[in-house]
Amino acid sequence: MPISHATQPASIGPKFSNCLGQVSPLILISGRRSVKGWYSGTAIDSQDTLKFSVLAGVRSMNEVFPLEKVAEAYDRMTSGKARFRVVLTTGL
C-alpha cells in the first residue's frame, strides 16, 4: 500500500514515518491504524491531464520556501495554514 503525505502525514510509528512503500496489514490492524489516499488514474490519464494543463495555461499555486526553512514550511503545512502547495527550493 503506498503511503501518501498530504496536509496531515500518517503516523504509524517511527519505523514508517516519512517513507513510501508497503505496510504490513498486521501493523495496521493491531493498532487500529489506516492508510489514506486516492486513485489518480493511469499513466495515460496523467499524461492527458498534463497536456491539458499546458494547453489551458493551468499553473499550480505554491507557497515557496528555501530549503533552509524546511521546519517552517513543514509546520505551515501540518498546521493547515498553508493556502496552496508548500514547495521547497534549493536555490539551484
PDB file of N, CA and C in Angstrom:
ATOM      1  N   MET A   1       0.835  -1.183   0.000  1.00  0.00           N
ATOM      2  CA  MET A   1       0.000   0.000   0.000  1.00  0.00           C
ATOM      3  C   MET A   1       0.871   1.234   0.000  1.00  0.00           C
ATOM      4  N   PRO A   2       0.717   2.109  -0.954  1.00  0.00           N
ATOM      5  CA  PRO A   2       1.504   3.338  -0.917  1.00  0.00           C
ATOM      6  C   PRO A   2       1.010   4.254   0.179  1.00  0.00           C
ATOM      7  N   ILE A   3       1.920   4.954   0.787  1.00  0.00           N
ATOM      8  CA  ILE A   3       1.569   5.931   1.808  1.00  0.00           C
ATOM      9  C   ILE A   3       1.741   7.307   1.199  1.00  0.00           C
ATOM     10  N   SER A   4       0.712   8.106   1.236  1.00  0.00           N
ATOM     11  CA  SER A   4       0.760   9.439   0.647  1.00  0.00           C
ATOM     12  C   SER A   4       0.750  10.469   1.757  1.00  0.00           C
ATOM     13  N   HIS A   5       1.615  11.455   1.647  1.00  0.00           N
ATOM     14  CA  HIS A   5       1.673  12.517   2.652  1.00  0.00           C
ATOM     15  C   HIS A   5       0.950  13.738   2.119  1.00  0.00           C
ATOM     16  N   ALA A   6      -0.093  14.125   2.778  1.00  0.00           N
ATOM     17  CA  ALA A   6      -0.834  15.326   2.389  1.00  0.00           C
ATOM     18  C   ALA A   6      -0.646  16.354   3.486  1.00  0.00           C
ATOM     19  N   THR A   7      -1.691  17.087   3.825  1.00  0.00           N
ATOM     20  CA  THR A   7      -1.540  18.116   4.849  1.00  0.00           C
ATOM     21  C   THR A   7      -1.360  17.534   6.237  1.00  0.00           C
ATOM     22  N   GLN A   8      -1.790  16.290   6.451  1.00  0.00           N
ATOM     23  CA  GLN A   8      -1.615  15.660   7.741  1.00  0.00           C
ATOM     24  C   GLN A   8      -0.960  14.304   7.533  1.00  0.00           C
ATOM     25  N   PRO A   9       0.360  14.220   7.725  1.00  0.00           N
ATOM     26  CA  PRO A   9       1.045  12.972   7.451  1.00  0.00           C
ATOM     27  C   PRO A   9       0.563  11.847   8.359  1.00  0.00           C
ATOM     28  N   ALA A  10       0.507  10.652   7.797  1.00  0.00           N
ATOM     29  CA  ALA A  10       0.121   9.483   8.576  1.00  0.00           C
ATOM     30  C   ALA A  10       1.215   9.170   9.568  1.00  0.00           C
ATOM     31  N   SER A  11       0.850   8.784  10.742  1.00  0.00           N
ATOM     32  CA  SER A  11       1.831   8.401  11.744  1.00  0.00           C
ATOM     33  C   SER A  11       1.542   6.978  12.166  1.00  0.00           C
ATOM     34  N   ILE A  12       2.375   6.061  11.690  1.00  0.00           N
ATOM     35  CA  ILE A  12       2.185   4.656  12.066  1.00  0.00           C
ATOM     36  C   ILE A  12       3.426   4.121  12.748  1.00  0.00           C
ATOM     37  N   GLY A  13       4.142   4.994  13.370  1.00  0.00           N
ATOM     38  CA  GLY A  13       5.315   4.594  14.125  1.00  0.00           C
ATOM     39  C   GLY A  13       6.592   5.086  13.463  1.00  0.00           C
ATOM     40  N   PRO A  14       7.666   5.179  14.257  1.00  0.00           N
ATOM     41  CA  PRO A  14       8.921   5.721  13.735  1.00  0.00           C
ATOM     42  C   PRO A  14       9.510   4.897  12.602  1.00  0.00           C
ATOM     43  N   LYS A  15       9.224   3.602  12.566  1.00  0.00           N
ATOM     44  CA  LYS A  15       9.774   2.744  11.520  1.00  0.00           C
ATOM     45  C   LYS A  15       9.256   3.150  10.146  1.00  0.00           C
ATOM     46  N   PHE A  16       8.061   3.735  10.077  1.00  0.00           N
ATOM     47  CA  PHE A  16       7.439   4.053   8.805  1.00  0.00           C
ATOM     48  C   PHE A  16       7.252   5.538   8.558  1.00  0.00           C
ATOM     49  N   SER A  17       7.717   6.399   9.438  1.00  0.00           N
ATOM     50  CA  SER A  17       7.483   7.826   9.223  1.00  0.00           C
ATOM     51  C   SER A  17       8.297   8.314   8.035  1.00  0.00           C
ATOM     52  N   ASN A  18       7.691   9.207   7.264  1.00  0.00           N
ATOM     53  CA  ASN A  18       8.323   9.837   6.103  1.00  0.00           C
ATOM     54  C   ASN A  18       8.850   8.842   5.088  1.00  0.00           C
ATOM     55  N   CYS A  19       8.098   7.790   4.789  1.00  0.00           N
ATOM     56  CA  CYS A  19       8.551   6.825   3.794  1.00  0.00           C
ATOM     57  C   CYS A  19       7.416   6.466   2.857  1.00  0.00           C
ATOM     58  N   LEU A  20       7.792   5.961   1.715  1.00  0.00           N
ATOM     59  CA  LEU A  20       6.834   5.413   0.773  1.00  0.00           C
ATOM     60  C   LEU A  20       7.163   3.944   0.632  1.00  0.00           C
ATOM     61  N   GLY A  21       6.174   3.123   0.519  1.00  0.00           N
ATOM     62  CA  GLY A  21       6.455   1.705   0.363  1.00  0.00           C
ATOM     63  C   GLY A  21       5.276   0.873   0.792  1.00  0.00           C
ATOM     64  N   GLN A  22       5.552  -0.323   1.230  1.00  0.00           N
ATOM     65  CA  GLN A  22       4.497  -1.227   1.640  1.00  0.00           C
ATOM     66  C   GLN A  22       4.437  -1.316   3.155  1.00  0.00           C
ATOM     67  N   VAL A  23       3.224  -1.485   3.655  1.00  0.00           N
ATOM     68  CA  VAL A  23       2.996  -1.606   5.086  1.00  0.00           C
ATOM     69  C   VAL A  23       2.276  -2.928   5.325  1.00  0.00           C
ATOM     70  N   SER A  24       2.751  -3.678   6.279  1.00  0.00           N
ATOM     71  CA  SER A  24       2.117  -4.944   6.613  1.00  0.00           C
ATOM     72  C   SER A  24       0.714  -4.698   7.155  1.00  0.00           C
ATOM     73  N   PRO A  25      -0.281  -5.460   6.702  1.00  0.00           N
ATOM     74  CA  PRO A  25      -1.638  -5.311   7.245  1.00  0.00           C
ATOM     75  C   PRO A  25      -1.688  -5.526   8.755  1.00  0.00           C
ATOM     76  N   LEU A  26      -0.802  -6.360   9.279  1.00  0.00           N
ATOM     77  CA  LEU A  26      -0.794  -6.614  10.727  1.00  0.00           C
ATOM     78  C   LEU A  26      -0.485  -5.348  11.513  1.00  0.00           C
ATOM     79  N   ILE A  27       0.393  -4.510  10.985  1.00  0.00           N
ATOM     80  CA  ILE A  27       0.717  -3.252  11.667  1.00  0.00           C
ATOM     81  C   ILE A  27      -0.512  -2.351  11.707  1.00  0.00           C
ATOM     82  N   LEU A  28      -1.273  -2.344  10.630  1.00  0.00           N
ATOM     83  CA  LEU A  28      -2.472  -1.505  10.583  1.00  0.00           C
ATOM     84  C   LEU A  28      -3.563  -2.047  11.493  1.00  0.00           C
ATOM     85  N   ILE A  29      -3.788  -3.357  11.447  1.00  0.00           N
ATOM     86  CA  ILE A  29      -4.863  -3.972  12.224  1.00  0.00           C
ATOM     87  C   ILE A  29      -4.576  -3.911  13.721  1.00  0.00           C
ATOM     88  N   SER A  30      -3.331  -4.196  14.106  1.00  0.00           N
ATOM     89  CA  SER A  30      -3.001  -4.281  15.531  1.00  0.00           C
ATOM     90  C   SER A  30      -3.144  -2.959  16.263  1.00  0.00           C
ATOM     91  N   GLY A  31      -3.004  -1.853  15.580  1.00  0.00           N
ATOM     92  CA  GLY A  31      -3.094  -0.562  16.253  1.00  0.00           C
ATOM     93  C   GLY A  31      -4.259   0.277  15.798  1.00  0.00           C
ATOM     94  N   ARG A  32      -5.213  -0.337  15.086  1.00  0.00           N
ATOM     95  CA  ARG A  32      -6.359   0.411  14.552  1.00  0.00           C
ATOM     96  C   ARG A  32      -5.890   1.616  13.762  1.00  0.00           C
ATOM     97  N   ARG A  33      -4.913   1.390  12.901  1.00  0.00           N
ATOM     98  CA  ARG A  33      -4.361   2.456  12.071  1.00  0.00           C
ATOM     99  C   ARG A  33      -4.921   2.344  10.665  1.00  0.00           C
ATOM    100  N   SER A  34      -4.728   3.370   9.867  1.00  0.00           N
ATOM    101  CA  SER A  34      -5.204   3.335   8.485  1.00  0.00           C
ATOM    102  C   SER A  34      -4.233   4.078   7.574  1.00  0.00           C
ATOM    103  N   VAL A  35      -4.319   3.762   6.307  1.00  0.00           N
ATOM    104  CA  VAL A  35      -3.573   4.457   5.275  1.00  0.00           C
ATOM    105  C   VAL A  35      -4.605   5.078   4.353  1.00  0.00           C
ATOM    106  N   LYS A  36      -4.479   6.375   4.099  1.00  0.00           N
ATOM    107  CA  LYS A  36      -5.466   7.067   3.280  1.00  0.00           C
ATOM    108  C   LYS A  36      -4.819   7.538   1.990  1.00  0.00           C
ATOM    109  N   GLY A  37      -5.596   7.575   0.944  1.00  0.00           N
ATOM    110  CA  GLY A  37      -5.103   8.045  -0.340  1.00  0.00           C
ATOM    111  C   GLY A  37      -6.255   8.103  -1.316  1.00  0.00           C
ATOM    112  N   TRP A  38      -5.938   8.241  -2.590  1.00  0.00           N
ATOM    113  CA  TRP A  38      -6.977   8.277  -3.595  1.00  0.00           C
ATOM    114  C   TRP A  38      -6.424   7.721  -4.894  1.00  0.00           C
ATOM    115  N   TYR A  39      -7.322   7.256  -5.704  1.00  0.00           N
ATOM    116  CA  TYR A  39      -6.969   6.725  -7.008  1.00  0.00           C
ATOM    117  C   TYR A  39      -6.811   7.889  -7.969  1.00  0.00           C
ATOM    118  N   SER A  40      -5.708   7.932  -8.676  1.00  0.00           N
ATOM    119  CA  SER A  40      -5.478   9.075  -9.569  1.00  0.00           C
ATOM    120  C   SER A  40      -5.423   8.686 -11.037  1.00  0.00           C
ATOM    121  N   GLY A  41      -5.827   7.481 -11.377  1.00  0.00           N
ATOM    122  CA  GLY A  41      -5.880   7.087 -12.780  1.00  0.00           C
ATOM    123  C   GLY A  41      -4.619   6.385 -13.246  1.00  0.00           C
ATOM    124  N   THR A  42      -4.565   6.193 -14.547  1.00  0.00           N
ATOM    125  CA  THR A  42      -3.433   5.504 -15.160  1.00  0.00           C
ATOM    126  C   THR A  42      -2.377   6.517 -15.592  1.00  0.00           C
ATOM    127  N   ALA A  43      -1.246   6.019 -16.061  1.00  0.00           N
ATOM    128  CA  ALA A  43      -0.192   6.898 -16.550  1.00  0.00           C
ATOM    129  C   ALA A  43      -0.696   7.735 -17.733  1.00  0.00           C
ATOM    130  N   ILE A  44      -1.488   7.125 -18.602  1.00  0.00           N
ATOM    131  CA  ILE A  44      -2.051   7.859 -19.753  1.00  0.00           C
ATOM    132  C   ILE A  44      -2.953   8.993 -19.264  1.00  0.00           C
ATOM    133  N   ASP A  45      -3.754   8.729 -18.213  1.00  0.00           N
ATOM    134  CA  ASP A  45      -4.606   9.781 -17.645  1.00  0.00           C
ATOM    135  C   ASP A  45      -3.758  10.962 -17.171  1.00  0.00           C
ATOM    136  N   SER A  46      -2.647  10.661 -16.508  1.00  0.00           N
ATOM    137  CA  SER A  46      -1.755  11.723 -16.023  1.00  0.00           C
ATOM    138  C   SER A  46      -1.152  12.504 -17.180  1.00  0.00           C
ATOM    139  N   GLN A  47      -0.738  11.800 -18.224  1.00  0.00           N
ATOM    140  CA  GLN A  47      -0.179  12.478 -19.398  1.00  0.00           C
ATOM    141  C   GLN A  47      -1.224  13.383 -20.048  1.00  0.00           C
ATOM    142  N   ASP A  48      -2.444  12.883 -20.196  1.00  0.00           N
ATOM    143  CA  ASP A  48      -3.517  13.691 -20.775  1.00  0.00           C
ATOM    144  C   ASP A  48      -3.795  14.931 -19.938  1.00  0.00           C
ATOM    145  N   THR A  49      -3.784  14.764 -18.627  1.00  0.00           N
ATOM    146  CA  THR A  49      -4.023  15.888 -17.721  1.00  0.00           C
ATOM    147  C   THR A  49      -2.928  16.935 -17.860  1.00  0.00           C
ATOM    148  N   LEU A  50      -1.681  16.493 -17.930  1.00  0.00           N
ATOM    149  CA  LEU A  50      -0.572  17.434 -18.089  1.00  0.00           C
ATOM    150  C   LEU A  50      -0.646  18.164 -19.431  1.00  0.00           C
ATOM    151  N   LYS A  51      -0.988  17.448 -20.491  1.00  0.00           N
ATOM    152  CA  LYS A  51      -1.135  18.087 -21.809  1.00  0.00           C
ATOM    153  C   LYS A  51      -2.224  19.156 -21.765  1.00  0.00           C
ATOM    154  N   PHE A  52      -3.356  18.825 -21.130  1.00  0.00           N
ATOM    155  CA  PHE A  52      -4.438  19.797 -20.998  1.00  0.00           C
ATOM    156  C   PHE A  52      -3.976  21.017 -20.207  1.00  0.00           C
ATOM    157  N   SER A  53      -3.225  20.786 -19.128  1.00  0.00           N
ATOM    158  CA  SER A  53      -2.735  21.889 -18.298  1.00  0.00           C
ATOM    159  C   SER A  53      -1.891  22.854 -19.111  1.00  0.00           C
ATOM    160  N   VAL A  54      -1.015  22.303 -19.956  1.00  0.00           N
ATOM    161  CA  VAL A  54      -0.162  23.151 -20.789  1.00  0.00           C
ATOM    162  C   VAL A  54      -1.004  23.950 -21.774  1.00  0.00           C
ATOM    163  N   LEU A  55      -1.940  23.269 -22.446  1.00  0.00           N
ATOM    164  CA  LEU A  55      -2.781  23.944 -23.447  1.00  0.00           C
ATOM    165  C   LEU A  55      -3.662  25.020 -22.831  1.00  0.00           C
ATOM    166  N   ALA A  56      -4.160  24.776 -21.625  1.00  0.00           N
ATOM    167  CA  ALA A  56      -5.084  25.706 -20.971  1.00  0.00           C
ATOM    168  C   ALA A  56      -4.372  26.728 -20.083  1.00  0.00           C
ATOM    169  N   GLY A  57      -3.056  26.608 -19.945  1.00  0.00           N
ATOM    170  CA  GLY A  57      -2.315  27.553 -19.117  1.00  0.00           C
ATOM    171  C   GLY A  57      -2.542  27.370 -17.624  1.00  0.00           C
ATOM    172  N   VAL A  58      -2.881  26.176 -17.216  1.00  0.00           N
ATOM    173  CA  VAL A  58      -3.116  25.896 -15.797  1.00  0.00           C
ATOM    174  C   VAL A  58      -1.777  25.856 -15.058  1.00  0.00           C
ATOM    175  N   ARG A  59      -1.687  26.557 -13.968  1.00  0.00           N
ATOM    176  CA  ARG A  59      -0.476  26.582 -13.152  1.00  0.00           C
ATOM    177  C   ARG A  59      -0.851  26.320 -11.701  1.00  0.00           C
ATOM    178  N   SER A  60       0.035  25.635 -11.005  1.00  0.00           N
ATOM    179  CA  SER A  60      -0.232  25.398  -9.586  1.00  0.00           C
ATOM    180  C   SER A  60       0.059  26.663  -8.794  1.00  0.00           C
ATOM    181  N   MET A  61      -0.599  26.798  -7.667  1.00  0.00           N
ATOM    182  CA  MET A  61      -0.379  27.925  -6.766  1.00  0.00           C
ATOM    183  C   MET A  61       0.446  27.385  -5.607  1.00  0.00           C
ATOM    184  N   ASN A  62       1.605  28.003  -5.366  1.00  0.00           N
ATOM    185  CA  ASN A  62       2.566  27.463  -4.408  1.00  0.00           C
ATOM    186  C   ASN A  62       2.975  28.489  -3.370  1.00  0.00           C
ATOM    187  N   GLU A  63       3.246  27.990  -2.190  1.00  0.00           N
ATOM    188  CA  GLU A  63       3.944  28.781  -1.178  1.00  0.00           C
ATOM    189  C   GLU A  63       5.364  28.239  -1.185  1.00  0.00           C
ATOM    190  N   VAL A  64       6.317  29.067  -1.589  1.00  0.00           N
ATOM    191  CA  VAL A  64       7.690  28.621  -1.797  1.00  0.00           C
ATOM    192  C   VAL A  64       8.558  28.998  -0.597  1.00  0.00           C
ATOM    193  N   PHE A  65       9.322  28.013  -0.115  1.00  0.00           N
ATOM    194  CA  PHE A  65      10.241  28.218   0.995  1.00  0.00           C
ATOM    195  C   PHE A  65      11.622  27.738   0.573  1.00  0.00           C
ATOM    196  N   PRO A  66      12.675  28.452   0.972  1.00  0.00           N
ATOM    197  CA  PRO A  66      14.009  27.927   0.713  1.00  0.00           C
ATOM    198  C   PRO A  66      14.257  26.705   1.602  1.00  0.00           C
ATOM    199  N   LEU A  67      15.120  25.824   1.154  1.00  0.00           N
ATOM    200  CA  LEU A  67      15.397  24.591   1.889  1.00  0.00           C
ATOM    201  C   LEU A  67      15.814  24.868   3.334  1.00  0.00           C
ATOM    202  N   GLU A  68      16.469  26.001   3.555  1.00  0.00           N
ATOM    203  CA  GLU A  68      16.911  26.356   4.905  1.00  0.00           C
ATOM    204  C   GLU A  68      15.740  26.552   5.867  1.00  0.00           C
ATOM    205  N   LYS A  69      14.539  26.779   5.333  1.00  0.00           N
ATOM    206  CA  LYS A  69      13.358  26.992   6.176  1.00  0.00           C
ATOM    207  C   LYS A  69      12.427  25.778   6.135  1.00  0.00           C
ATOM    208  N   VAL A  70      12.998  24.598   6.006  1.00  0.00           N
ATOM    209  CA  VAL A  70      12.196  23.382   5.885  1.00  0.00           C
ATOM    210  C   VAL A  70      11.289  23.183   7.105  1.00  0.00           C
ATOM    211  N   ALA A  71      11.784  23.476   8.296  1.00  0.00           N
ATOM    212  CA  ALA A  71      10.964  23.294   9.500  1.00  0.00           C
ATOM    213  C   ALA A  71       9.759  24.228   9.487  1.00  0.00           C
ATOM    214  N   GLU A  72       9.966  25.477   9.085  1.00  0.00           N
ATOM    215  CA  GLU A  72       8.866  26.446   8.996  1.00  0.00           C
ATOM    216  C   GLU A  72       7.835  25.998   7.946  1.00  0.00           C
ATOM    217  N   ALA A  73       8.328  25.519   6.810  1.00  0.00           N
ATOM    218  CA  ALA A  73       7.434  25.055   5.739  1.00  0.00           C
ATOM    219  C   ALA A  73       6.624  23.851   6.210  1.00  0.00           C
ATOM    220  N   TYR A  74       7.271  22.918   6.883  1.00  0.00           N
ATOM    221  CA  TYR A  74       6.583  21.724   7.374  1.00  0.00           C
ATOM    222  C   TYR A  74       5.527  22.101   8.407  1.00  0.00           C
ATOM    223  N   ASP A  75       5.880  23.002   9.331  1.00  0.00           N
ATOM    224  CA  ASP A  75       4.919  23.453  10.348  1.00  0.00           C
ATOM    225  C   ASP A  75       3.711  24.127   9.694  1.00  0.00           C
ATOM    226  N   ARG A  76       3.951  24.923   8.672  1.00  0.00           N
ATOM    227  CA  ARG A  76       2.837  25.606   7.978  1.00  0.00           C
ATOM    228  C   ARG A  76       1.923  24.587   7.317  1.00  0.00           C
ATOM    229  N   MET A  77       2.527  23.577   6.698  1.00  0.00           N
ATOM    230  CA  MET A  77       1.744  22.558   6.013  1.00  0.00           C
ATOM    231  C   MET A  77       0.923  21.734   7.013  1.00  0.00           C
ATOM    232  N   THR A  78       1.556  21.253   8.065  1.00  0.00           N
ATOM    233  CA  THR A  78       0.854  20.383   9.019  1.00  0.00           C
ATOM    234  C   THR A  78      -0.151  21.134   9.886  1.00  0.00           C
ATOM    235  N   SER A  79       0.015  22.445  10.018  1.00  0.00           N
ATOM    236  CA  SER A  79      -0.930  23.234  10.816  1.00  0.00           C
ATOM    237  C   SER A  79      -2.228  23.505  10.056  1.00  0.00           C
ATOM    238  N   GLY A  80      -2.192  23.301   8.742  1.00  0.00           N
ATOM    239  CA  GLY A  80      -3.371  23.591   7.932  1.00  0.00           C
ATOM    240  C   GLY A  80      -3.449  25.052   7.503  1.00  0.00           C
ATOM    241  N   LYS A  81      -2.418  25.833   7.811  1.00  0.00           N
ATOM    242  CA  LYS A  81      -2.424  27.256   7.459  1.00  0.00           C
ATOM    243  C   LYS A  81      -1.984  27.510   6.023  1.00  0.00           C
ATOM    244  N   ALA A  82      -1.374  26.528   5.393  1.00  0.00           N
ATOM    245  CA  ALA A  82      -0.933  26.712   4.007  1.00  0.00           C
ATOM    246  C   ALA A  82      -2.164  26.821   3.114  1.00  0.00           C
ATOM    247  N   ARG A  83      -2.191  27.840   2.271  1.00  0.00           N
ATOM    248  CA  ARG A  83      -3.335  28.023   1.372  1.00  0.00           C
ATOM    249  C   ARG A  83      -3.156  27.229   0.087  1.00  0.00           C
ATOM    250  N   PHE A  84      -1.918  26.942  -0.266  1.00  0.00           N
ATOM    251  CA  PHE A  84      -1.628  26.258  -1.506  1.00  0.00           C
ATOM    252  C   PHE A  84      -0.627  25.137  -1.225  1.00  0.00           C
ATOM    253  N   ARG A  85       0.063  24.687  -2.257  1.00  0.00           N
ATOM    254  CA  ARG A  85       1.117  23.699  -2.053  1.00  0.00           C
ATOM    255  C   ARG A  85       2.278  24.366  -1.342  1.00  0.00           C
ATOM    256  N   VAL A  86       2.940  23.623  -0.480  1.00  0.00           N
ATOM    257  CA  VAL A  86       4.163  24.099   0.138  1.00  0.00           C
ATOM    258  C   VAL A  86       5.315  23.445  -0.620  1.00  0.00           C
ATOM    259  N   VAL A  87       6.176  24.287  -1.214  1.00  0.00           N
ATOM    260  CA  VAL A  87       7.253  23.807  -2.063  1.00  0.00           C
ATOM    261  C   VAL A  87       8.585  24.298  -1.514  1.00  0.00           C
ATOM    262  N   LEU A  88       9.573  23.400  -1.464  1.00  0.00           N
ATOM    263  CA  LEU A  88      10.924  23.768  -1.040  1.00  0.00           C
ATOM    264  C   LEU A  88      11.781  23.989  -2.273  1.00  0.00           C
ATOM    265  N   THR A  89      12.645  25.017  -2.211  1.00  0.00           N
ATOM    266  CA  THR A  89      13.582  25.260  -3.303  1.00  0.00           C
ATOM    267  C   THR A  89      15.003  25.111  -2.790  1.00  0.00           C
ATOM    268  N   THR A  90      15.897  24.707  -3.679  1.00  0.00           N
ATOM    269  CA  THR A  90      17.293  24.508  -3.288  1.00  0.00           C
ATOM    270  C   THR A  90      18.182  25.660  -3.708  1.00  0.00           C
ATOM    271  N   GLY A  91      17.645  26.598  -4.481  1.00  0.00           N
ATOM    272  CA  GLY A  91      18.445  27.734  -4.904  1.00  0.00           C
ATOM    273  C   GLY A  91      19.291  27.446  -6.131  1.00  0.00           C
ATOM    274  N   LEU A  92      19.167  26.277  -6.701  1.00  0.00           N
ATOM    275  CA  LEU A  92      19.937  25.944  -7.916  1.00  0.00           C
ATOM    276  C   LEU A  92      19.210  26.377  -9.154  1.00  0.00           C
TER     277      LEU A  92
END
